[in-house]
Protein backbone atom coordinates (compact mmCIF):
# COMPACT_ATOMS: atom_id res chain seq x y z
CA MET A 1 114.57 46.09 -35.57
CA LYS A 2 116.12 43.73 -37.80
CA TRP A 3 114.39 43.77 -41.41
CA GLN A 4 113.65 40.88 -43.48
CA PRO A 5 114.16 42.49 -46.96
CA GLU A 6 111.80 40.10 -48.64
CA ILE A 7 109.03 41.74 -46.52
CA PRO A 8 107.68 45.25 -47.13
CA ARG A 9 108.86 47.40 -43.93
CA TRP A 10 105.36 48.63 -43.38
CA ARG A 11 104.25 45.02 -43.14
CA GLN A 12 106.79 44.35 -40.67
CA VAL A 13 106.03 47.05 -38.62
CA TYR A 14 102.19 46.37 -38.74
CA ALA A 15 102.87 42.83 -37.56
CA LEU A 16 104.84 44.23 -34.72
CA VAL A 17 102.14 46.67 -33.76
CA GLN A 18 99.71 43.53 -34.13
CA GLU A 19 101.81 41.56 -31.93
CA ARG A 20 101.80 43.75 -29.22
CA ILE A 21 98.00 44.37 -29.63
CA ASP A 22 97.39 40.72 -29.13
CA ASP A 23 99.82 40.27 -26.09
CA GLY A 24 97.98 43.34 -24.33
CA THR A 25 100.94 45.62 -24.65
CA TYR A 26 98.46 47.94 -26.28
CA PRO A 27 95.17 46.87 -24.60
CA PRO A 28 91.75 47.64 -26.38
CA GLY A 29 90.73 51.20 -26.00
CA GLY A 30 94.61 52.16 -25.21
CA ARG A 31 96.23 54.44 -27.31
CA LEU A 32 98.84 53.41 -30.31
CA PRO A 33 102.29 55.01 -31.01
CA SER A 34 101.82 57.98 -33.35
CA ALA A 35 103.38 58.32 -36.87
CA LEU A 36 106.24 60.04 -35.31
CA ASP A 37 106.75 57.65 -32.48
CA LEU A 38 106.86 54.40 -34.97
CA GLU A 39 109.69 56.30 -37.05
CA ARG A 40 111.61 56.98 -34.22
CA GLU A 41 111.31 53.31 -32.78
CA THR A 42 111.54 51.59 -36.26
CA GLY A 43 113.59 53.91 -38.37
CA ILE A 44 110.74 53.98 -41.03
CA SER A 45 109.77 57.01 -43.12
CA PRO A 46 106.94 59.27 -42.23
CA VAL A 47 104.66 57.98 -45.23
CA THR A 48 105.12 54.26 -43.96
CA ALA A 49 104.42 55.18 -40.32
CA LYS A 50 101.27 56.83 -41.64
CA ARG A 51 100.47 53.81 -44.00
CA VAL A 52 100.91 51.14 -40.70
CA LEU A 53 98.19 53.33 -38.79
CA ARG A 54 95.95 53.50 -42.02
CA GLU A 55 96.30 49.65 -42.48
CA LEU A 56 95.49 48.70 -38.95
CA ARG A 57 92.38 50.96 -39.16
CA ASP A 58 91.55 49.31 -42.14
CA ALA A 59 91.43 45.93 -40.81
CA GLY A 60 89.48 46.93 -38.01
CA LEU A 61 92.17 46.70 -35.21
CA ALA A 62 92.43 50.68 -34.65
CA TYR A 63 90.61 53.92 -35.03
CA MET A 64 91.75 57.47 -35.10
CA GLU A 65 90.48 60.41 -33.26
CA PRO A 66 91.43 63.44 -35.17
CA GLY A 67 93.63 65.55 -33.30
CA ILE A 68 94.00 63.08 -30.38
CA GLY A 69 95.49 60.05 -31.37
CA THR A 70 95.16 56.32 -32.57
CA PHE A 71 93.32 53.67 -30.29
CA VAL A 72 93.12 50.11 -30.05
CA SER A 73 89.77 49.06 -31.08
CA ARG A 74 87.72 47.51 -28.37
CA LEU A 75 87.58 43.69 -28.94
CA PRO A 76 84.01 42.24 -29.18
CA GLU A 77 82.57 40.35 -26.36
CA PRO A 78 82.91 36.72 -26.86
CA PRO A 79 79.68 35.05 -27.37
CA ALA A 80 77.75 33.79 -23.96
């Protein structure tokens, strides 16, 4: 991953994961990479990886199941 020095790394990885949620790589209800997987893929620190997952949760894009993993939140059904 090529880093943009003016943007915090956690925001760049957040944007990467959000893009993958938006394009269906990580579908609603699907499991997101673990903090360790994010560390390995992007080279970020453990603290940064955990922040990315926490920020995704706080934004309503993901939910955590303790001891199981982090999953993409189900998108609301569009109005009829």
